[in-house]
């Protein structure tokens, strides 16, 4: 009986249709096929968008120490430029008698010849801190190498000076009814 079953199974198997075979393609070169696919894909897709390169980093700035030096240099050059424009009388002066005793101190502001008049303040060095021992000059008249300073202490005071070759100013102090020789120099 086993033989019969086998025979029937074989008949059934011969009666079933065979699976279809794939169509046989013409032989082709595999490298050409890949190149065709790549070419077609490249033609269909746009090139990738180019990204701009980032800007270069900024140069490093000055250090705090360098900034301080730059600032100081600017202040110094501004001061020196201003001082260069000032006249020769600008600054502090001491008026002394013929024996060298300091009488008055003057602080003068001299804008320079042709730029305005000399202005200033005075202080009596013998009466420091006393009321009426300092004040502003009433006038300061410069004419060439001559200078006349006027101020009021207890009485009108007039200092008439002439500039010497050594930079000292020599002349006379007139106060009340008295006059005496004086020299004005930088302290």
N, C-alpha and C. Protein backbone atom coordinates (compact mmCIF):
# COMPACT_ATOMS: atom_id res chain seq x y z
N UNK A 1 0.79 -1.14 0.00
CA UNK A 1 0.00 0.00 0.00
C UNK A 1 0.86 1.25 0.00
N UNK A 2 1.93 1.16 0.52
CA UNK A 2 2.84 2.30 0.53
C UNK A 2 3.23 2.58 -0.90
N UNK A 3 3.39 1.60 -1.65
CA UNK A 3 3.78 1.82 -3.02
C UNK A 3 2.71 2.59 -3.77
N UNK A 4 1.42 2.33 -3.46
CA UNK A 4 0.33 3.00 -4.15
C UNK A 4 0.32 4.48 -3.77
N UNK A 5 0.53 4.74 -2.59
CA UNK A 5 0.49 6.13 -2.13
C UNK A 5 1.63 6.89 -2.78
N UNK A 6 2.74 6.27 -2.86
CA UNK A 6 3.87 6.93 -3.49
C UNK A 6 3.58 7.18 -4.96
N UNK A 7 2.99 6.26 -5.60
CA UNK A 7 2.69 6.42 -7.01
C UNK A 7 1.70 7.54 -7.22
N UNK A 8 0.72 7.61 -6.34
CA UNK A 8 -0.26 8.68 -6.48
C UNK A 8 0.38 10.03 -6.21
N UNK A 9 1.25 10.09 -5.28
CA UNK A 9 1.90 11.35 -4.96
C UNK A 9 2.76 11.80 -6.13
N UNK A 10 3.37 10.88 -6.78
CA UNK A 10 4.20 11.24 -7.92
C UNK A 10 3.33 11.77 -9.05
N UNK A 11 2.17 11.17 -9.26
CA UNK A 11 1.29 11.63 -10.31
C UNK A 11 0.80 13.05 -10.00
N UNK A 12 0.47 13.30 -8.76
CA UNK A 12 -0.02 14.64 -8.37
C UNK A 12 1.11 15.65 -8.56
N UNK A 13 2.28 15.23 -8.25
CA UNK A 13 3.40 16.15 -8.38
C UNK A 13 3.68 16.45 -9.82
N UNK A 14 3.54 15.47 -10.70
CA UNK A 14 3.77 15.73 -12.12
C UNK A 14 2.66 16.60 -12.68
N UNK A 15 1.47 16.56 -12.13
CA UNK A 15 0.35 17.31 -12.66
C UNK A 15 0.41 18.79 -12.26
N UNK A 16 1.12 19.16 -11.19
CA UNK A 16 1.16 20.57 -10.76
C UNK A 16 2.06 21.37 -11.69
N UNK A 17 1.63 22.56 -11.98
CA UNK A 17 2.43 23.37 -12.90
C UNK A 17 3.75 23.78 -12.25
N UNK A 18 4.76 23.86 -13.03
CA UNK A 18 6.09 24.26 -12.53
C UNK A 18 6.12 25.78 -12.35
N UNK A 19 6.89 26.25 -11.38
CA UNK A 19 6.99 27.71 -11.18
C UNK A 19 7.64 28.37 -12.40
N UNK A 20 7.21 29.60 -12.72
CA UNK A 20 7.79 30.25 -13.90
C UNK A 20 9.25 30.61 -13.65
N UNK A 21 10.01 30.51 -14.68
CA UNK A 21 11.43 30.84 -14.60
C UNK A 21 11.57 32.32 -14.90
N UNK A 22 12.53 32.99 -14.26
CA UNK A 22 12.73 34.42 -14.54
C UNK A 22 13.23 34.58 -15.95
N UNK A 23 12.85 35.72 -16.56
CA UNK A 23 13.32 35.92 -17.93
C UNK A 23 14.82 36.10 -17.93
N UNK A 24 15.41 35.60 -18.90
CA UNK A 24 16.86 35.68 -19.02
C UNK A 24 17.18 37.00 -19.70
N UNK A 25 17.94 37.85 -19.01
CA UNK A 25 18.31 39.14 -19.58
C UNK A 25 19.56 38.98 -20.39
N UNK A 26 19.71 39.93 -21.27
CA UNK A 26 20.92 39.87 -22.07
C UNK A 26 22.10 40.14 -21.16
N UNK A 27 23.18 39.45 -21.41
CA UNK A 27 24.33 39.68 -20.54
C UNK A 27 24.75 41.16 -20.62
N UNK A 28 25.06 41.75 -19.43
CA UNK A 28 25.50 43.16 -19.39
C UNK A 28 26.68 43.30 -18.45
N UNK A 29 27.33 44.42 -18.58
CA UNK A 29 28.48 44.70 -17.73
C UNK A 29 27.95 45.37 -16.46
N UNK A 30 28.27 44.85 -15.28
CA UNK A 30 27.76 45.37 -14.01
C UNK A 30 28.29 46.77 -13.73
N UNK A 31 29.50 47.08 -14.11
CA UNK A 31 30.08 48.41 -13.87
C UNK A 31 29.33 49.46 -14.66
N UNK A 32 28.91 49.16 -15.89
CA UNK A 32 28.16 50.12 -16.69
C UNK A 32 26.80 50.40 -16.08
N UNK A 33 26.16 49.38 -15.53
CA UNK A 33 24.85 49.55 -14.93
C UNK A 33 24.93 50.48 -13.73
N UNK A 34 25.95 50.33 -12.90
CA UNK A 34 26.11 51.18 -11.72
C UNK A 34 26.39 52.61 -12.15
N UNK A 35 27.23 52.79 -13.17
CA UNK A 35 27.54 54.14 -13.65
C UNK A 35 26.30 54.81 -14.20
N UNK A 36 25.42 54.02 -14.89
CA UNK A 36 24.18 54.58 -15.41
C UNK A 36 23.28 55.07 -14.27
N UNK A 37 23.20 54.28 -13.20
CA UNK A 37 22.36 54.66 -12.05
C UNK A 37 22.89 55.92 -11.39
N UNK A 38 24.20 55.99 -11.22
CA UNK A 38 24.80 57.17 -10.57
C UNK A 38 24.59 58.42 -11.43
N UNK A 39 24.75 58.29 -12.74
CA UNK A 39 24.59 59.43 -13.64
C UNK A 39 23.15 59.93 -13.61
N UNK A 40 22.19 58.96 -13.61
CA UNK A 40 20.79 59.34 -13.60
C UNK A 40 20.45 60.02 -12.27
N UNK A 41 20.97 59.51 -11.15
CA UNK A 41 20.70 60.09 -9.84
C UNK A 41 21.32 61.48 -9.74
N UNK A 42 22.53 61.64 -10.25
CA UNK A 42 23.22 62.93 -10.19
C UNK A 42 22.48 63.96 -11.01
N UNK A 43 21.91 63.58 -12.15
CA UNK A 43 21.19 64.52 -12.99
C UNK A 43 19.87 64.92 -12.36
N UNK A 44 19.26 64.02 -11.58
CA UNK A 44 17.96 64.30 -10.97
C UNK A 44 18.04 65.14 -9.70
N UNK A 45 19.17 65.12 -8.99
CA UNK A 45 19.26 65.83 -7.71
C UNK A 45 20.12 67.09 -7.87
N UNK A 46 19.65 68.21 -7.31
CA UNK A 46 20.45 69.43 -7.39
C UNK A 46 21.69 69.30 -6.51
N UNK A 47 22.73 70.07 -6.82
CA UNK A 47 23.93 69.98 -5.99
C UNK A 47 23.60 70.47 -4.58
N UNK A 48 24.31 69.97 -3.59
CA UNK A 48 24.03 70.41 -2.22
C UNK A 48 24.34 71.90 -2.08
N UNK A 49 23.51 72.59 -1.28
CA UNK A 49 23.70 74.03 -1.06
C UNK A 49 25.03 74.24 -0.36
N UNK A 50 25.80 75.21 -0.88
CA UNK A 50 27.09 75.48 -0.25
C UNK A 50 26.86 76.37 0.97
N UNK A 51 27.51 76.06 2.01
CA UNK A 51 27.38 76.84 3.24
C UNK A 51 28.54 77.83 3.29
N UNK A 52 28.23 79.07 3.64
CA UNK A 52 29.34 80.03 3.74
C UNK A 52 30.24 79.65 4.90
N UNK A 53 31.51 79.90 4.71
CA UNK A 53 32.44 79.58 5.79
C UNK A 53 32.25 80.62 6.89
N UNK A 54 32.43 80.22 8.12
CA UNK A 54 32.24 81.17 9.22
C UNK A 54 33.30 82.26 9.15
N UNK A 55 32.97 83.46 9.63
CA UNK A 55 33.95 84.54 9.61
C UNK A 55 35.12 84.18 10.51
N UNK A 56 36.29 84.74 10.20
CA UNK A 56 37.44 84.45 11.05
C UNK A 56 37.22 85.05 12.43
N UNK A 57 37.80 84.47 13.44
CA UNK A 57 37.61 85.03 14.78
C UNK A 57 38.27 86.41 14.86
N UNK A 58 37.69 87.31 15.65
CA UNK A 58 38.27 88.65 15.76
C UNK A 58 39.66 88.56 16.39
N UNK A 59 40.51 89.52 16.06
CA UNK A 59 41.84 89.49 16.68
C UNK A 59 41.70 89.73 18.17
N UNK A 60 42.59 89.20 18.94
CA UNK A 60 42.48 89.40 20.39
C UNK A 60 42.66 90.88 20.75
N UNK A 61 41.86 91.36 21.68
CA UNK A 61 41.94 92.76 22.10
C UNK A 61 43.08 92.96 23.08
N UNK A 62 43.35 94.23 23.40
CA UNK A 62 44.44 94.49 24.34
C UNK A 62 44.08 93.99 25.73
N UNK A 63 45.10 93.63 26.47
CA UNK A 63 44.90 93.18 27.85
C UNK A 63 44.57 94.40 28.71
N UNK A 64 44.06 94.20 29.91
CA UNK A 64 43.79 95.35 30.79
C UNK A 64 45.03 96.20 31.05
N UNK A 65 46.20 95.57 31.14
CA UNK A 65 47.43 96.32 31.36
C UNK A 65 47.75 97.19 30.14
N UNK A 66 47.55 96.62 28.93
CA UNK A 66 47.78 97.38 27.71
C UNK A 66 46.78 98.53 27.59
N UNK A 67 45.52 98.29 27.97
CA UNK A 67 44.51 99.35 27.93
C UNK A 67 44.89 100.48 28.87
N UNK A 68 45.39 100.15 30.05
CA UNK A 68 45.81 101.17 31.01
C UNK A 68 46.96 102.00 30.45
N UNK A 69 47.91 101.35 29.79
CA UNK A 69 49.04 102.07 29.20
C UNK A 69 48.58 102.99 28.07
N UNK A 70 47.63 102.50 27.25
CA UNK A 70 47.10 103.32 26.16
C UNK A 70 46.39 104.54 26.72
N UNK A 71 45.58 104.35 27.76
CA UNK A 71 44.85 105.46 28.38
C UNK A 71 45.82 106.47 28.97
N UNK A 72 46.81 105.98 29.72
CA UNK A 72 47.79 106.86 30.35
C UNK A 72 48.57 107.64 29.30
N UNK A 73 48.93 106.99 28.22
CA UNK A 73 49.65 107.66 27.14
C UNK A 73 48.80 108.78 26.54
N UNK A 74 47.52 108.53 26.35
CA UNK A 74 46.62 109.55 25.81
C UNK A 74 46.48 110.75 26.73
N UNK A 75 46.34 110.48 28.03
CA UNK A 75 46.22 111.57 29.00
C UNK A 75 47.52 112.38 29.02
N UNK A 76 48.65 111.68 29.05
CA UNK A 76 49.94 112.36 29.09
C UNK A 76 50.15 113.23 27.84
N UNK A 77 49.84 112.69 26.67
CA UNK A 77 50.07 113.47 25.44
C UNK A 77 49.13 114.67 25.38
N UNK A 78 47.89 114.54 25.87
CA UNK A 78 46.97 115.67 25.91
C UNK A 78 47.49 116.75 26.85
N UNK A 79 47.98 116.33 28.02
CA UNK A 79 48.53 117.29 28.98
C UNK A 79 49.74 118.01 28.39
N UNK A 80 50.65 117.25 27.76
CA UNK A 80 51.85 117.85 27.19
C UNK A 80 51.50 118.82 26.05
N UNK A 81 50.51 118.46 25.24
CA UNK A 81 50.09 119.35 24.15
C UNK A 81 49.51 120.64 24.72
N UNK A 82 48.73 120.51 25.78
CA UNK A 82 48.16 121.71 26.41
C UNK A 82 49.25 122.57 27.03
N UNK A 83 50.18 121.93 27.70
CA UNK A 83 51.28 122.67 28.31
C UNK A 83 52.14 123.37 27.26
N UNK A 84 52.31 122.75 26.10
CA UNK A 84 53.12 123.35 25.04
C UNK A 84 52.48 124.63 24.52
N UNK A 85 51.17 124.74 24.63
CA UNK A 85 50.46 125.94 24.18
C UNK A 85 50.46 127.04 25.24
N UNK A 86 50.84 126.73 26.47
CA UNK A 86 50.82 127.72 27.54
C UNK A 86 52.02 128.66 27.41
N UNK A 87 51.83 129.85 27.95
CA UNK A 87 52.89 130.83 27.91
C UNK A 87 53.97 130.55 28.95
N UNK A 88 55.06 131.28 28.89
CA UNK A 88 56.20 131.04 29.78
C UNK A 88 55.94 131.37 31.25
N UNK A 89 54.92 132.17 31.54
CA UNK A 89 54.63 132.52 32.93
C UNK A 89 53.70 131.53 33.62
N UNK A 90 53.14 130.59 32.87
CA UNK A 90 52.17 129.65 33.43
C UNK A 90 52.81 128.82 34.54
N UNK A 91 52.14 128.78 35.70
CA UNK A 91 52.62 127.95 36.81
C UNK A 91 52.85 128.74 38.08
N UNK A 92 53.62 128.15 38.99
CA UNK A 92 53.85 128.72 40.32
C UNK A 92 55.17 129.50 40.34
N UNK A 93 55.13 130.65 41.05
CA UNK A 93 56.29 131.52 41.18
C UNK A 93 56.40 131.99 42.63
N UNK A 94 57.61 132.26 43.08
CA UNK A 94 57.83 132.81 44.42
C UNK A 94 58.54 134.15 44.27
N UNK A 95 58.00 135.16 44.98
CA UNK A 95 58.61 136.49 45.00
C UNK A 95 59.39 136.62 46.30
N UNK A 96 60.67 136.91 46.19
CA UNK A 96 61.53 137.03 47.37
C UNK A 96 62.19 138.40 47.38
N UNK A 97 62.60 138.85 48.59
CA UNK A 97 63.31 140.13 48.68
C UNK A 97 64.78 139.94 48.33
N UNK A 98 65.56 141.01 48.42
CA UNK A 98 66.98 140.96 48.03
C UNK A 98 67.78 140.00 48.90
N UNK A 99 67.35 139.76 50.13
CA UNK A 99 68.06 138.84 51.03
C UNK A 99 67.64 137.38 50.81
N UNK A 100 66.65 137.14 49.96
CA UNK A 100 66.19 135.78 49.67
C UNK A 100 65.00 135.31 50.50
N UNK A 101 64.45 136.21 51.31
CA UNK A 101 63.28 135.84 52.12
C UNK A 101 62.05 135.81 51.22
N UNK A 102 61.32 134.67 51.23
CA UNK A 102 60.11 134.52 50.40
C UNK A 102 59.00 135.40 50.95
N UNK A 103 58.43 136.21 50.07
CA UNK A 103 57.37 137.14 50.47
C UNK A 103 55.99 136.67 50.00
N UNK A 104 55.88 136.39 48.72
CA UNK A 104 54.59 136.01 48.12
C UNK A 104 54.78 134.81 47.20
N UNK A 105 53.70 134.07 47.08
CA UNK A 105 53.64 133.01 46.07
C UNK A 105 52.55 133.40 45.09
N UNK A 106 52.86 133.26 43.80
CA UNK A 106 51.90 133.55 42.74
C UNK A 106 51.62 132.27 41.96
N UNK A 107 50.37 132.05 41.64
CA UNK A 107 49.97 130.97 40.73
C UNK A 107 49.40 131.67 39.51
N UNK A 108 50.15 131.59 38.38
CA UNK A 108 49.76 132.32 37.18
C UNK A 108 49.22 131.39 36.11
N UNK A 109 48.25 131.89 35.37
CA UNK A 109 47.72 131.18 34.20
C UNK A 109 48.05 132.04 32.99
N UNK A 110 48.96 131.53 32.16
CA UNK A 110 49.43 132.28 31.00
C UNK A 110 49.02 131.54 29.73
N UNK A 111 48.04 132.06 28.99
CA UNK A 111 47.61 131.37 27.77
C UNK A 111 48.60 131.51 26.62
N UNK A 112 49.63 132.32 26.81
CA UNK A 112 50.63 132.51 25.76
C UNK A 112 50.46 133.84 25.08
N UNK A 113 51.54 134.35 24.52
CA UNK A 113 51.47 135.66 23.85
C UNK A 113 50.44 135.67 22.73
N UNK A 114 49.63 136.72 22.72
CA UNK A 114 48.63 136.88 21.68
C UNK A 114 47.37 136.06 21.90
N UNK A 115 47.27 135.29 22.98
CA UNK A 115 46.08 134.45 23.21
C UNK A 115 45.26 134.93 24.40
N UNK A 116 45.64 136.00 25.00
CA UNK A 116 44.87 136.49 26.15
C UNK A 116 45.81 136.99 27.23
N UNK A 117 45.21 137.54 28.28
CA UNK A 117 46.03 138.12 29.35
C UNK A 117 46.36 137.09 30.42
N UNK A 118 47.41 137.39 31.14
CA UNK A 118 47.82 136.55 32.26
C UNK A 118 46.87 136.81 33.42
N UNK A 119 46.47 135.74 34.10
CA UNK A 119 45.63 135.85 35.29
C UNK A 119 46.31 135.09 36.41
N UNK A 120 45.87 135.33 37.64
CA UNK A 120 46.49 134.57 38.72
C UNK A 120 45.96 134.89 40.09
N UNK A 121 46.60 134.25 41.04
CA UNK A 121 46.26 134.42 42.46
C UNK A 121 47.57 134.62 43.23
N UNK A 122 47.45 135.20 44.42
CA UNK A 122 48.63 135.46 45.26
C UNK A 122 48.37 134.94 46.67
N UNK A 123 49.45 134.73 47.41
CA UNK A 123 49.36 134.35 48.83
C UNK A 123 50.55 134.95 49.55
N UNK A 124 50.29 135.61 50.68
CA UNK A 124 51.34 136.19 51.53
C UNK A 124 51.95 135.06 52.35
N UNK A 125 53.20 134.75 52.09
CA UNK A 125 53.84 133.61 52.76
C UNK A 125 54.16 133.90 54.23
N UNK A 126 54.20 135.17 54.64
CA UNK A 126 54.45 135.51 56.04
C UNK A 126 53.18 135.39 56.88
N UNK A 127 52.02 135.39 56.26
CA UNK A 127 50.76 135.35 57.00
C UNK A 127 49.87 134.20 56.55
N UNK A 128 50.43 133.06 56.31
CA UNK A 128 49.64 131.92 55.80
C UNK A 128 48.48 131.60 56.72
N UNK A 129 47.32 131.44 56.11
CA UNK A 129 46.11 131.08 56.86
C UNK A 129 45.39 132.27 57.45
N UNK A 130 45.97 133.44 57.45
CA UNK A 130 45.32 134.62 58.00
C UNK A 130 44.28 135.15 57.02
N UNK A 131 43.27 135.80 57.57
CA UNK A 131 42.24 136.41 56.72
C UNK A 131 42.88 137.52 55.90
N UNK A 132 42.57 137.58 54.63
CA UNK A 132 43.11 138.63 53.77
C UNK A 132 44.54 138.38 53.33
N UNK A 133 45.06 137.18 53.56
CA UNK A 133 46.46 136.89 53.21
C UNK A 133 46.57 136.21 51.85
N UNK A 134 45.48 136.17 51.09
CA UNK A 134 45.53 135.61 49.74
C UNK A 134 44.37 136.19 48.94
N UNK A 135 44.49 136.08 47.62
CA UNK A 135 43.43 136.60 46.77
C UNK A 135 43.83 136.50 45.31
N UNK A 136 43.02 137.13 44.48
CA UNK A 136 43.29 137.13 43.03
C UNK A 136 44.04 138.39 42.65
N UNK A 137 44.81 138.28 41.59
CA UNK A 137 45.48 139.46 41.06
C UNK A 137 44.44 140.41 40.47
N UNK A 138 44.63 141.70 40.69
CA UNK A 138 43.75 142.70 40.06
C UNK A 138 44.05 142.75 38.58
N UNK A 139 45.35 142.66 38.23
CA UNK A 139 45.76 142.64 36.82
C UNK A 139 47.17 142.07 36.72
N UNK A 140 47.48 141.62 35.53
CA UNK A 140 48.82 141.13 35.20
C UNK A 140 49.08 141.58 33.77
N UNK A 141 49.93 142.58 33.62
CA UNK A 141 50.19 143.16 32.31
C UNK A 141 51.59 142.76 31.85
N UNK A 142 51.64 142.13 30.70
CA UNK A 142 52.93 141.71 30.13
C UNK A 142 53.15 142.51 28.86
N UNK A 143 54.36 143.02 28.74
CA UNK A 143 54.73 143.76 27.54
C UNK A 143 56.18 143.39 27.22
N UNK A 144 56.34 142.48 26.24
CA UNK A 144 57.70 142.02 25.90
C UNK A 144 58.33 141.28 27.07
N UNK A 145 59.45 141.83 27.59
CA UNK A 145 60.16 141.21 28.71
C UNK A 145 59.79 141.85 30.05
N UNK A 146 58.74 142.67 30.07
CA UNK A 146 58.32 143.35 31.30
C UNK A 146 56.98 142.79 31.77
N UNK A 147 56.81 142.76 33.09
CA UNK A 147 55.58 142.23 33.70
C UNK A 147 55.22 143.11 34.88
N UNK A 148 53.94 143.49 35.00
CA UNK A 148 53.45 144.26 36.14
C UNK A 148 52.28 143.50 36.74
N UNK A 149 52.41 143.13 38.03
CA UNK A 149 51.36 142.41 38.78
C UNK A 149 50.76 143.37 39.79
N UNK A 150 49.43 143.44 39.86
CA UNK A 150 48.73 144.29 40.82
C UNK A 150 47.77 143.43 41.65
N UNK A 151 47.77 143.69 42.96
CA UNK A 151 46.84 143.00 43.86
C UNK A 151 46.63 143.85 45.10
N UNK A 152 45.57 143.55 45.85
CA UNK A 152 45.22 144.28 47.08
C UNK A 152 45.46 143.38 48.27
N UNK A 153 46.35 143.81 49.16
CA UNK A 153 46.47 143.12 50.44
C UNK A 153 45.86 144.09 51.46
N UNK A 154 46.62 144.66 52.34
CA UNK A 154 46.08 145.71 53.22
C UNK A 154 46.04 147.04 52.47
N UNK A 155 46.92 147.14 51.49
CA UNK A 155 47.00 148.33 50.63
C UNK A 155 47.28 147.84 49.22
N UNK A 156 47.11 148.67 48.23
CA UNK A 156 47.44 148.22 46.87
C UNK A 156 48.92 147.87 46.77
N UNK A 157 49.20 146.75 46.09
CA UNK A 157 50.57 146.29 45.86
C UNK A 157 50.81 146.22 44.37
N UNK A 158 51.99 146.70 43.94
CA UNK A 158 52.36 146.66 42.53
C UNK A 158 53.76 146.07 42.45
N UNK A 159 53.89 145.01 41.64
CA UNK A 159 55.19 144.37 41.42
C UNK A 159 55.55 144.63 39.97
N UNK A 160 56.68 145.35 39.76
CA UNK A 160 57.15 145.65 38.41
C UNK A 160 58.41 144.83 38.19
N UNK A 161 58.41 143.99 37.14
CA UNK A 161 59.50 143.04 36.91
C UNK A 161 59.99 143.09 35.47
N UNK A 162 61.26 142.73 35.29
CA UNK A 162 61.84 142.58 33.95
C UNK A 162 62.50 141.20 33.92
N UNK A 163 62.33 140.49 32.80
CA UNK A 163 62.88 139.14 32.71
C UNK A 163 64.37 139.19 32.37
N UNK A 164 65.14 138.42 33.14
CA UNK A 164 66.57 138.32 32.89
C UNK A 164 66.88 137.15 31.98
N UNK A 165 68.13 137.10 31.51
CA UNK A 165 68.56 136.03 30.61
C UNK A 165 68.52 134.67 31.30
N UNK A 166 68.62 134.65 32.62
CA UNK A 166 68.64 133.38 33.36
C UNK A 166 67.24 132.88 33.70
N UNK A 167 66.17 133.56 33.23
CA UNK A 167 64.79 133.13 33.48
C UNK A 167 64.20 133.74 34.73
N UNK A 168 65.03 134.42 35.55
CA UNK A 168 64.52 135.09 36.75
C UNK A 168 63.94 136.44 36.37
N UNK A 169 62.96 136.86 37.16
CA UNK A 169 62.36 138.16 36.95
C UNK A 169 62.81 139.06 38.11
N UNK A 170 63.41 140.20 37.83
CA UNK A 170 63.87 141.10 38.88
C UNK A 170 63.14 142.42 38.75
N UNK A 171 62.96 143.08 39.91
CA UNK A 171 62.26 144.36 39.87
C UNK A 171 62.02 144.93 41.24
N UNK A 172 60.86 145.57 41.38
CA UNK A 172 60.54 146.31 42.60
C UNK A 172 59.12 145.97 43.04
N UNK A 173 58.94 145.83 44.37
CA UNK A 173 57.61 145.67 44.98
C UNK A 173 57.28 146.99 45.66
N UNK A 174 56.13 147.58 45.29
CA UNK A 174 55.66 148.80 45.94
C UNK A 174 54.38 148.45 46.69
N UNK A 175 54.41 148.66 48.00
CA UNK A 175 53.25 148.42 48.85
C UNK A 175 53.15 149.59 49.82
N UNK A 176 51.98 150.17 49.87
CA UNK A 176 51.76 151.38 50.69
C UNK A 176 52.76 152.44 50.24
N UNK A 177 53.59 152.95 51.12
CA UNK A 177 54.54 154.01 50.76
C UNK A 177 55.94 153.46 50.60
N UNK A 178 56.12 152.14 50.78
CA UNK A 178 57.47 151.55 50.73
C UNK A 178 57.68 150.81 49.44
N UNK A 179 58.94 150.68 49.05
CA UNK A 179 59.29 149.87 47.89
C UNK A 179 60.60 149.15 48.22
N UNK A 180 60.76 147.96 47.64
CA UNK A 180 61.98 147.18 47.86
C UNK A 180 62.26 146.32 46.65
N UNK A 181 63.53 146.00 46.44
CA UNK A 181 63.89 145.15 45.29
C UNK A 181 63.45 143.70 45.55
N UNK A 182 63.01 143.06 44.47
CA UNK A 182 62.53 141.67 44.56
C UNK A 182 62.99 140.86 43.36
N UNK A 183 62.90 139.54 43.54
CA UNK A 183 63.23 138.59 42.48
C UNK A 183 62.11 137.55 42.46
N UNK A 184 61.61 137.26 41.28
CA UNK A 184 60.56 136.23 41.14
C UNK A 184 61.16 135.02 40.40
N UNK A 185 61.08 133.85 41.02
CA UNK A 185 61.64 132.63 40.45
C UNK A 185 60.65 131.48 40.62
N UNK A 186 60.92 130.38 39.93
CA UNK A 186 60.13 129.16 40.13
C UNK A 186 60.59 128.50 41.44
N UNK A 187 59.64 127.94 42.20
CA UNK A 187 60.05 127.28 43.45
C UNK A 187 60.81 125.98 43.19
